[in-house]
N, C-alpha and C. Protein backbone atom coordinates (compact mmCIF):
# COMPACT_ATOMS: atom_id res chain seq x y z
N UNK A 1 10.43 -19.13 -1.83
CA UNK A 1 9.77 -19.54 -0.60
C UNK A 1 9.94 -18.46 0.46
N UNK A 2 8.86 -18.11 1.11
CA UNK A 2 8.86 -17.08 2.12
C UNK A 2 9.16 -17.70 3.49
N UNK A 3 9.90 -16.97 4.30
CA UNK A 3 10.21 -17.43 5.66
C UNK A 3 9.93 -16.31 6.64
N UNK A 4 9.88 -16.65 7.92
CA UNK A 4 9.73 -15.63 8.96
C UNK A 4 10.88 -14.65 8.86
N UNK A 5 12.08 -15.15 8.63
CA UNK A 5 13.25 -14.28 8.52
C UNK A 5 13.10 -13.29 7.36
N UNK A 6 12.54 -13.75 6.23
CA UNK A 6 12.30 -12.85 5.09
C UNK A 6 11.35 -11.72 5.48
N UNK A 7 10.29 -12.08 6.18
CA UNK A 7 9.31 -11.08 6.59
C UNK A 7 9.92 -10.09 7.57
N UNK A 8 10.70 -10.59 8.49
CA UNK A 8 11.38 -9.70 9.45
C UNK A 8 12.33 -8.77 8.70
N UNK A 9 13.07 -9.31 7.74
CA UNK A 9 13.97 -8.48 6.92
C UNK A 9 13.20 -7.40 6.15
N UNK A 10 11.93 -7.67 5.85
CA UNK A 10 11.09 -6.70 5.14
C UNK A 10 10.48 -5.67 6.09
N UNK A 11 10.80 -5.77 7.37
CA UNK A 11 10.32 -4.78 8.33
C UNK A 11 9.09 -5.19 9.11
N UNK A 12 8.74 -6.47 9.04
CA UNK A 12 7.58 -6.96 9.78
C UNK A 12 8.07 -7.46 11.14
N UNK A 13 7.37 -7.09 12.20
CA UNK A 13 7.76 -7.53 13.54
C UNK A 13 7.66 -9.05 13.64
N UNK A 14 8.49 -9.67 14.47
CA UNK A 14 8.50 -11.13 14.56
C UNK A 14 7.14 -11.76 14.87
N UNK A 15 6.37 -11.15 15.77
CA UNK A 15 5.06 -11.73 16.10
C UNK A 15 4.15 -11.77 14.88
N UNK A 16 4.08 -10.66 14.16
CA UNK A 16 3.25 -10.61 12.96
C UNK A 16 3.81 -11.52 11.87
N UNK A 17 5.12 -11.59 11.76
CA UNK A 17 5.73 -12.46 10.76
C UNK A 17 5.32 -13.92 10.99
N UNK A 18 5.33 -14.34 12.24
CA UNK A 18 4.92 -15.72 12.55
C UNK A 18 3.43 -15.92 12.29
N UNK A 19 2.59 -14.94 12.66
CA UNK A 19 1.14 -15.06 12.47
C UNK A 19 0.76 -15.16 10.99
N UNK A 20 1.46 -14.42 10.16
CA UNK A 20 1.05 -14.29 8.77
C UNK A 20 1.82 -15.17 7.79
N UNK A 21 2.86 -15.86 8.22
CA UNK A 21 3.65 -16.66 7.30
C UNK A 21 2.80 -17.69 6.55
N UNK A 22 2.03 -18.48 7.25
CA UNK A 22 1.25 -19.54 6.59
C UNK A 22 0.21 -18.96 5.63
N UNK A 23 -0.61 -17.97 6.05
CA UNK A 23 -1.58 -17.45 5.08
C UNK A 23 -0.93 -16.75 3.89
N UNK A 24 0.17 -16.05 4.11
CA UNK A 24 0.85 -15.41 2.98
C UNK A 24 1.45 -16.45 2.04
N UNK A 25 2.03 -17.49 2.60
CA UNK A 25 2.59 -18.56 1.77
C UNK A 25 1.51 -19.23 0.94
N UNK A 26 0.36 -19.45 1.55
CA UNK A 26 -0.76 -20.05 0.81
C UNK A 26 -1.23 -19.13 -0.31
N UNK A 27 -1.32 -17.84 -0.04
CA UNK A 27 -1.74 -16.88 -1.07
C UNK A 27 -0.73 -16.85 -2.21
N UNK A 28 0.56 -16.88 -1.87
CA UNK A 28 1.59 -16.87 -2.91
C UNK A 28 1.48 -18.10 -3.80
N UNK A 29 1.25 -19.25 -3.18
CA UNK A 29 1.12 -20.48 -3.96
C UNK A 29 -0.12 -20.43 -4.85
N UNK A 30 -1.22 -19.97 -4.31
CA UNK A 30 -2.48 -19.95 -5.05
C UNK A 30 -2.46 -19.00 -6.23
N UNK A 31 -1.81 -17.85 -6.06
CA UNK A 31 -1.89 -16.81 -7.07
C UNK A 31 -0.58 -16.61 -7.84
N UNK A 32 0.27 -17.63 -7.85
CA UNK A 32 1.52 -17.63 -8.62
C UNK A 32 2.43 -16.45 -8.27
N UNK A 33 2.48 -16.12 -7.03
CA UNK A 33 3.43 -15.13 -6.55
C UNK A 33 4.67 -15.94 -6.17
N UNK A 34 5.48 -16.22 -7.19
CA UNK A 34 6.47 -17.28 -7.04
C UNK A 34 7.89 -16.90 -7.45
N UNK A 35 8.12 -15.63 -7.66
CA UNK A 35 9.49 -15.16 -7.91
C UNK A 35 9.87 -14.19 -6.80
N UNK A 36 11.14 -13.97 -6.64
CA UNK A 36 11.59 -13.04 -5.60
C UNK A 36 10.97 -11.65 -5.79
N UNK A 37 10.90 -11.20 -7.03
CA UNK A 37 10.34 -9.87 -7.30
C UNK A 37 8.84 -9.83 -6.97
N UNK A 38 8.11 -10.86 -7.34
CA UNK A 38 6.67 -10.89 -7.05
C UNK A 38 6.42 -10.96 -5.54
N UNK A 39 7.17 -11.79 -4.86
CA UNK A 39 7.01 -11.91 -3.41
C UNK A 39 7.35 -10.58 -2.74
N UNK A 40 8.43 -9.96 -3.16
CA UNK A 40 8.83 -8.67 -2.58
C UNK A 40 7.75 -7.61 -2.81
N UNK A 41 7.21 -7.56 -4.02
CA UNK A 41 6.16 -6.59 -4.31
C UNK A 41 4.91 -6.83 -3.50
N UNK A 42 4.51 -8.09 -3.40
CA UNK A 42 3.32 -8.46 -2.63
C UNK A 42 3.49 -8.10 -1.16
N UNK A 43 4.59 -8.51 -0.57
CA UNK A 43 4.84 -8.23 0.85
C UNK A 43 4.96 -6.72 1.07
N UNK A 44 5.62 -6.02 0.17
CA UNK A 44 5.77 -4.57 0.31
C UNK A 44 4.42 -3.87 0.29
N UNK A 45 3.54 -4.27 -0.64
CA UNK A 45 2.22 -3.64 -0.68
C UNK A 45 1.44 -3.94 0.58
N UNK A 46 1.47 -5.18 1.02
CA UNK A 46 0.77 -5.54 2.26
C UNK A 46 1.33 -4.75 3.44
N UNK A 47 2.65 -4.60 3.48
CA UNK A 47 3.28 -3.86 4.58
C UNK A 47 2.82 -2.41 4.62
N UNK A 48 2.80 -1.78 3.45
CA UNK A 48 2.37 -0.38 3.39
C UNK A 48 0.89 -0.24 3.76
N UNK A 49 0.05 -1.06 3.15
CA UNK A 49 -1.40 -0.96 3.37
C UNK A 49 -1.79 -1.22 4.82
N UNK A 50 -1.00 -2.02 5.54
CA UNK A 50 -1.38 -2.42 6.90
C UNK A 50 -0.44 -1.88 7.97
N UNK A 51 0.37 -0.89 7.62
CA UNK A 51 1.33 -0.32 8.58
C UNK A 51 2.16 -1.42 9.24
N UNK A 52 2.81 -2.19 8.40
CA UNK A 52 3.67 -3.25 8.90
C UNK A 52 2.92 -4.41 9.52
N UNK A 53 1.74 -4.72 8.97
CA UNK A 53 0.90 -5.83 9.42
C UNK A 53 0.28 -5.56 10.79
N UNK A 54 0.16 -4.29 11.17
CA UNK A 54 -0.40 -3.95 12.49
C UNK A 54 -1.77 -3.27 12.40
N UNK A 55 -2.08 -2.60 11.31
CA UNK A 55 -3.37 -1.92 11.15
C UNK A 55 -4.22 -2.74 10.20
N UNK A 56 -5.02 -3.62 10.74
CA UNK A 56 -5.79 -4.55 9.93
C UNK A 56 -7.24 -4.12 9.78
N UNK A 57 -7.54 -2.90 10.22
CA UNK A 57 -8.89 -2.37 10.09
C UNK A 57 -8.80 -0.85 9.97
N UNK A 58 -9.42 -0.32 8.96
CA UNK A 58 -9.44 1.13 8.74
C UNK A 58 -10.23 1.79 9.86
N UNK A 59 -9.63 2.76 10.55
CA UNK A 59 -10.32 3.35 11.70
C UNK A 59 -11.27 4.48 11.31
N UNK A 60 -10.88 5.31 10.36
CA UNK A 60 -11.67 6.47 9.94
C UNK A 60 -11.97 7.42 11.09
N UNK A 61 -11.09 7.47 12.08
CA UNK A 61 -11.24 8.42 13.18
C UNK A 61 -10.42 9.66 12.85
N UNK A 62 -11.12 10.74 12.55
CA UNK A 62 -10.49 12.02 12.24
C UNK A 62 -11.03 13.08 13.18
N UNK A 63 -10.15 13.89 13.71
CA UNK A 63 -10.55 14.96 14.63
C UNK A 63 -10.83 16.28 13.93
N UNK A 64 -10.12 16.54 12.84
CA UNK A 64 -10.15 17.84 12.19
C UNK A 64 -11.14 17.87 11.03
N UNK A 65 -12.22 18.62 11.15
CA UNK A 65 -13.20 18.70 10.06
C UNK A 65 -12.62 19.22 8.75
N UNK A 66 -11.70 20.15 8.81
CA UNK A 66 -11.09 20.70 7.59
C UNK A 66 -10.31 19.60 6.87
N UNK A 67 -9.62 18.77 7.63
CA UNK A 67 -8.88 17.65 7.01
C UNK A 67 -9.85 16.67 6.35
N UNK A 68 -10.97 16.41 6.99
CA UNK A 68 -11.97 15.51 6.40
C UNK A 68 -12.41 16.06 5.04
N UNK A 69 -12.65 17.37 4.97
CA UNK A 69 -13.07 17.98 3.71
C UNK A 69 -11.98 17.90 2.65
N UNK A 70 -10.72 17.99 3.07
CA UNK A 70 -9.61 17.90 2.11
C UNK A 70 -9.46 16.49 1.56
N UNK A 71 -9.67 15.49 2.41
CA UNK A 71 -9.49 14.10 1.98
C UNK A 71 -10.64 13.64 1.08
N UNK A 72 -11.86 14.06 1.42
CA UNK A 72 -13.05 13.64 0.66
C UNK A 72 -13.85 14.85 0.17
N UNK A 73 -13.27 15.67 -0.70
CA UNK A 73 -13.94 16.91 -1.11
C UNK A 73 -15.25 16.69 -1.87
N UNK A 74 -15.38 15.58 -2.57
CA UNK A 74 -16.63 15.36 -3.30
C UNK A 74 -17.68 14.67 -2.44
N UNK A 75 -17.29 14.16 -1.30
CA UNK A 75 -18.21 13.44 -0.42
C UNK A 75 -18.63 14.27 0.79
N UNK A 76 -17.73 15.09 1.28
CA UNK A 76 -18.00 15.95 2.43
C UNK A 76 -17.79 17.38 1.95
N UNK A 77 -18.91 18.07 1.72
CA UNK A 77 -18.84 19.34 0.99
C UNK A 77 -19.05 20.59 1.84
N UNK A 78 -19.48 20.42 3.09
CA UNK A 78 -19.67 21.59 3.94
C UNK A 78 -18.95 21.38 5.27
N UNK A 79 -18.58 22.49 5.88
CA UNK A 79 -17.92 22.42 7.19
C UNK A 79 -18.87 21.83 8.23
N UNK A 80 -20.14 22.16 8.14
CA UNK A 80 -21.12 21.61 9.09
C UNK A 80 -21.17 20.08 8.98
N UNK A 81 -21.20 19.56 7.76
CA UNK A 81 -21.20 18.12 7.58
C UNK A 81 -19.91 17.52 8.12
N UNK A 82 -18.78 18.14 7.82
CA UNK A 82 -17.48 17.63 8.30
C UNK A 82 -17.42 17.64 9.82
N UNK A 83 -17.97 18.67 10.44
CA UNK A 83 -17.98 18.73 11.91
C UNK A 83 -18.79 17.58 12.50
N UNK A 84 -19.87 17.21 11.83
CA UNK A 84 -20.69 16.11 12.34
C UNK A 84 -19.99 14.75 12.17
N UNK A 85 -19.01 14.69 11.28
CA UNK A 85 -18.29 13.44 11.02
C UNK A 85 -16.97 13.34 11.77
N UNK A 86 -16.51 14.46 12.32
CA UNK A 86 -15.29 14.43 13.13
C UNK A 86 -15.54 13.60 14.38
N UNK A 87 -14.55 12.75 14.72
CA UNK A 87 -14.67 11.85 15.88
C UNK A 87 -15.87 10.90 15.76
N UNK A 88 -16.26 10.62 14.53
CA UNK A 88 -17.41 9.76 14.25
C UNK A 88 -17.04 8.81 13.10
N UNK A 89 -16.19 7.83 13.40
CA UNK A 89 -15.71 6.97 12.30
C UNK A 89 -16.81 6.21 11.58
N UNK A 90 -17.81 5.76 12.28
CA UNK A 90 -18.89 5.02 11.63
C UNK A 90 -19.67 5.93 10.69
N UNK A 91 -20.00 7.12 11.16
CA UNK A 91 -20.72 8.07 10.30
C UNK A 91 -19.89 8.47 9.09
N UNK A 92 -18.60 8.69 9.30
CA UNK A 92 -17.72 9.07 8.19
C UNK A 92 -17.65 7.96 7.15
N UNK A 93 -17.46 6.74 7.58
CA UNK A 93 -17.40 5.60 6.65
C UNK A 93 -18.68 5.49 5.85
N UNK A 94 -19.81 5.66 6.52
CA UNK A 94 -21.09 5.52 5.83
C UNK A 94 -21.30 6.62 4.80
N UNK A 95 -20.74 7.80 5.04
CA UNK A 95 -20.86 8.89 4.06
C UNK A 95 -19.88 8.72 2.92
N UNK A 96 -18.60 8.50 3.23
CA UNK A 96 -17.59 8.52 2.16
C UNK A 96 -17.61 7.27 1.30
N UNK A 97 -18.16 6.17 1.81
CA UNK A 97 -18.23 4.94 1.01
C UNK A 97 -19.64 4.64 0.52
N UNK A 98 -20.58 5.55 0.70
CA UNK A 98 -21.96 5.34 0.25
C UNK A 98 -22.04 5.31 -1.27
N UNK A 99 -22.89 4.41 -1.77
CA UNK A 99 -23.19 4.33 -3.21
C UNK A 99 -21.95 4.16 -4.09
N UNK A 100 -20.97 3.43 -3.58
CA UNK A 100 -19.80 3.10 -4.38
C UNK A 100 -19.23 1.77 -3.91
N UNK A 101 -18.49 1.13 -4.75
CA UNK A 101 -17.87 -0.17 -4.44
C UNK A 101 -18.92 -1.21 -4.04
N UNK A 102 -20.11 -1.07 -4.59
CA UNK A 102 -21.18 -2.02 -4.30
C UNK A 102 -21.94 -1.72 -3.02
N UNK A 103 -21.58 -0.67 -2.33
CA UNK A 103 -22.27 -0.31 -1.08
C UNK A 103 -23.59 0.38 -1.37
N UNK A 104 -24.50 0.26 -0.41
CA UNK A 104 -25.75 0.98 -0.49
C UNK A 104 -25.57 2.43 -0.07
N UNK A 105 -26.69 3.10 0.18
CA UNK A 105 -26.64 4.51 0.57
C UNK A 105 -26.13 4.66 2.00
N UNK A 106 -26.05 5.90 2.44
CA UNK A 106 -25.53 6.21 3.78
C UNK A 106 -26.28 5.44 4.86
N UNK A 107 -27.60 5.36 4.76
CA UNK A 107 -28.41 4.71 5.79
C UNK A 107 -28.22 3.20 5.85
N UNK A 108 -27.66 2.60 4.78
CA UNK A 108 -27.50 1.14 4.75
C UNK A 108 -26.46 0.63 5.76
N UNK A 109 -25.53 1.50 6.12
CA UNK A 109 -24.46 1.07 7.02
C UNK A 109 -23.35 0.31 6.32
N UNK A 110 -23.45 0.16 5.00
CA UNK A 110 -22.45 -0.60 4.26
C UNK A 110 -21.06 0.03 4.32
N UNK A 111 -21.00 1.34 4.35
CA UNK A 111 -19.69 2.00 4.39
C UNK A 111 -18.87 1.55 5.58
N UNK A 112 -19.50 1.51 6.73
CA UNK A 112 -18.81 1.05 7.94
C UNK A 112 -18.61 -0.46 7.92
N UNK A 113 -19.64 -1.18 7.53
CA UNK A 113 -19.59 -2.65 7.53
C UNK A 113 -18.49 -3.17 6.61
N UNK A 114 -18.32 -2.50 5.46
CA UNK A 114 -17.36 -2.98 4.46
C UNK A 114 -16.19 -2.01 4.29
N UNK A 115 -15.75 -1.40 5.41
CA UNK A 115 -14.59 -0.52 5.39
C UNK A 115 -13.32 -1.35 5.17
N UNK A 116 -12.22 -0.67 4.98
CA UNK A 116 -10.97 -1.36 4.70
C UNK A 116 -10.52 -2.27 5.83
N UNK A 117 -10.21 -3.51 5.46
CA UNK A 117 -9.71 -4.49 6.43
C UNK A 117 -8.67 -5.38 5.77
N UNK A 118 -7.87 -5.99 6.63
CA UNK A 118 -6.88 -6.97 6.18
C UNK A 118 -5.60 -6.33 5.71
N UNK A 119 -4.67 -7.17 5.30
CA UNK A 119 -3.37 -6.67 4.85
C UNK A 119 -3.48 -5.79 3.61
N UNK A 120 -4.49 -6.02 2.79
CA UNK A 120 -4.65 -5.24 1.56
C UNK A 120 -5.73 -4.18 1.69
N UNK A 121 -6.30 -4.05 2.88
CA UNK A 121 -7.36 -3.08 3.13
C UNK A 121 -8.52 -3.23 2.13
N UNK A 122 -9.03 -4.44 2.06
CA UNK A 122 -10.20 -4.75 1.23
C UNK A 122 -11.33 -3.81 1.61
N UNK A 123 -11.92 -3.13 0.65
CA UNK A 123 -12.93 -2.11 0.91
C UNK A 123 -14.10 -2.26 -0.06
N UNK A 124 -15.31 -2.12 0.45
CA UNK A 124 -16.50 -2.11 -0.38
C UNK A 124 -17.17 -3.47 -0.48
N UNK A 125 -18.50 -3.45 -0.47
CA UNK A 125 -19.27 -4.68 -0.49
C UNK A 125 -18.97 -5.55 -1.70
N UNK A 126 -18.84 -4.95 -2.87
CA UNK A 126 -18.57 -5.77 -4.06
C UNK A 126 -17.24 -6.49 -3.94
N UNK A 127 -16.24 -5.87 -3.34
CA UNK A 127 -14.95 -6.53 -3.16
C UNK A 127 -15.04 -7.62 -2.09
N UNK A 128 -15.83 -7.39 -1.05
CA UNK A 128 -16.04 -8.43 -0.04
C UNK A 128 -16.75 -9.63 -0.67
N UNK A 129 -17.73 -9.36 -1.53
CA UNK A 129 -18.44 -10.45 -2.22
C UNK A 129 -17.47 -11.24 -3.09
N UNK A 130 -16.65 -10.54 -3.85
CA UNK A 130 -15.68 -11.22 -4.72
C UNK A 130 -14.71 -12.06 -3.90
N UNK A 131 -14.19 -11.50 -2.81
CA UNK A 131 -13.25 -12.24 -1.97
C UNK A 131 -13.93 -13.44 -1.33
N UNK A 132 -15.16 -13.26 -0.87
CA UNK A 132 -15.91 -14.37 -0.25
C UNK A 132 -16.11 -15.50 -1.25
N UNK A 133 -16.44 -15.15 -2.47
CA UNK A 133 -16.66 -16.15 -3.52
C UNK A 133 -15.35 -16.86 -3.87
N UNK A 134 -14.32 -16.09 -4.11
CA UNK A 134 -13.03 -16.64 -4.54
C UNK A 134 -12.39 -17.51 -3.45
N UNK A 135 -12.53 -17.09 -2.20
CA UNK A 135 -11.85 -17.79 -1.10
C UNK A 135 -12.77 -18.69 -0.29
N UNK A 136 -14.05 -18.73 -0.68
CA UNK A 136 -15.04 -19.56 0.01
C UNK A 136 -15.07 -19.26 1.52
N UNK A 137 -15.21 -17.97 1.82
CA UNK A 137 -15.27 -17.51 3.21
C UNK A 137 -16.53 -16.65 3.38
N UNK A 138 -17.10 -16.60 4.57
CA UNK A 138 -18.32 -15.82 4.79
C UNK A 138 -18.05 -14.34 5.08
N UNK A 139 -17.26 -13.69 4.23
CA UNK A 139 -16.88 -12.31 4.47
C UNK A 139 -18.05 -11.33 4.40
N UNK A 140 -19.07 -11.63 3.65
CA UNK A 140 -20.21 -10.71 3.54
C UNK A 140 -21.04 -10.74 4.81
N UNK A 141 -21.27 -11.92 5.35
CA UNK A 141 -22.07 -12.04 6.57
C UNK A 141 -21.24 -11.78 7.82
N UNK A 142 -19.92 -11.92 7.73
CA UNK A 142 -19.04 -11.67 8.87
C UNK A 142 -17.80 -10.92 8.39
N UNK A 143 -17.93 -9.63 8.09
CA UNK A 143 -16.82 -8.86 7.51
C UNK A 143 -15.58 -8.79 8.40
N UNK A 144 -15.74 -8.92 9.71
CA UNK A 144 -14.58 -8.86 10.60
C UNK A 144 -13.56 -9.95 10.32
N UNK A 145 -13.98 -11.04 9.69
CA UNK A 145 -13.05 -12.11 9.36
C UNK A 145 -11.92 -11.66 8.44
N UNK A 146 -12.18 -10.63 7.65
CA UNK A 146 -11.16 -10.14 6.71
C UNK A 146 -9.93 -9.62 7.46
N UNK A 147 -10.09 -9.18 8.68
CA UNK A 147 -8.97 -8.64 9.45
C UNK A 147 -8.14 -9.72 10.14
N UNK A 148 -8.53 -10.98 10.01
CA UNK A 148 -7.77 -12.07 10.65
C UNK A 148 -6.74 -12.64 9.68
N UNK A 149 -5.62 -13.14 10.23
CA UNK A 149 -4.61 -13.74 9.34
C UNK A 149 -5.18 -14.87 8.49
């Protein structure tokens, strides 16, 4: 059984521990995350993916075009393209997530719409569809809901 104290011991701030205790407990019950090792692994992954339950939405704000090219070498192939995506998180998301994970092309806006959100940084339209179906939530029509506890 997970408690606020357990989450705090895992490095989660008290406010976030209180906000997320009920949804995490429900997820653990639903998906048989029911041993100390499974709970620890689940919470640890969520903690890493969300910077301690504080980064619930992928920003994709990068200032350095060279860094953009290093992170996405097959998606951003020229310095000119990288310069146009620096300080442009929406444009960057639409380029680097285009035509993958169930997303449409760059012009579809799916990359930005279905960027990483939530404790597990759910990414891509196909994953949003799967989560919406499994959890009976309108994540495809309202992707921002994924970032809520």
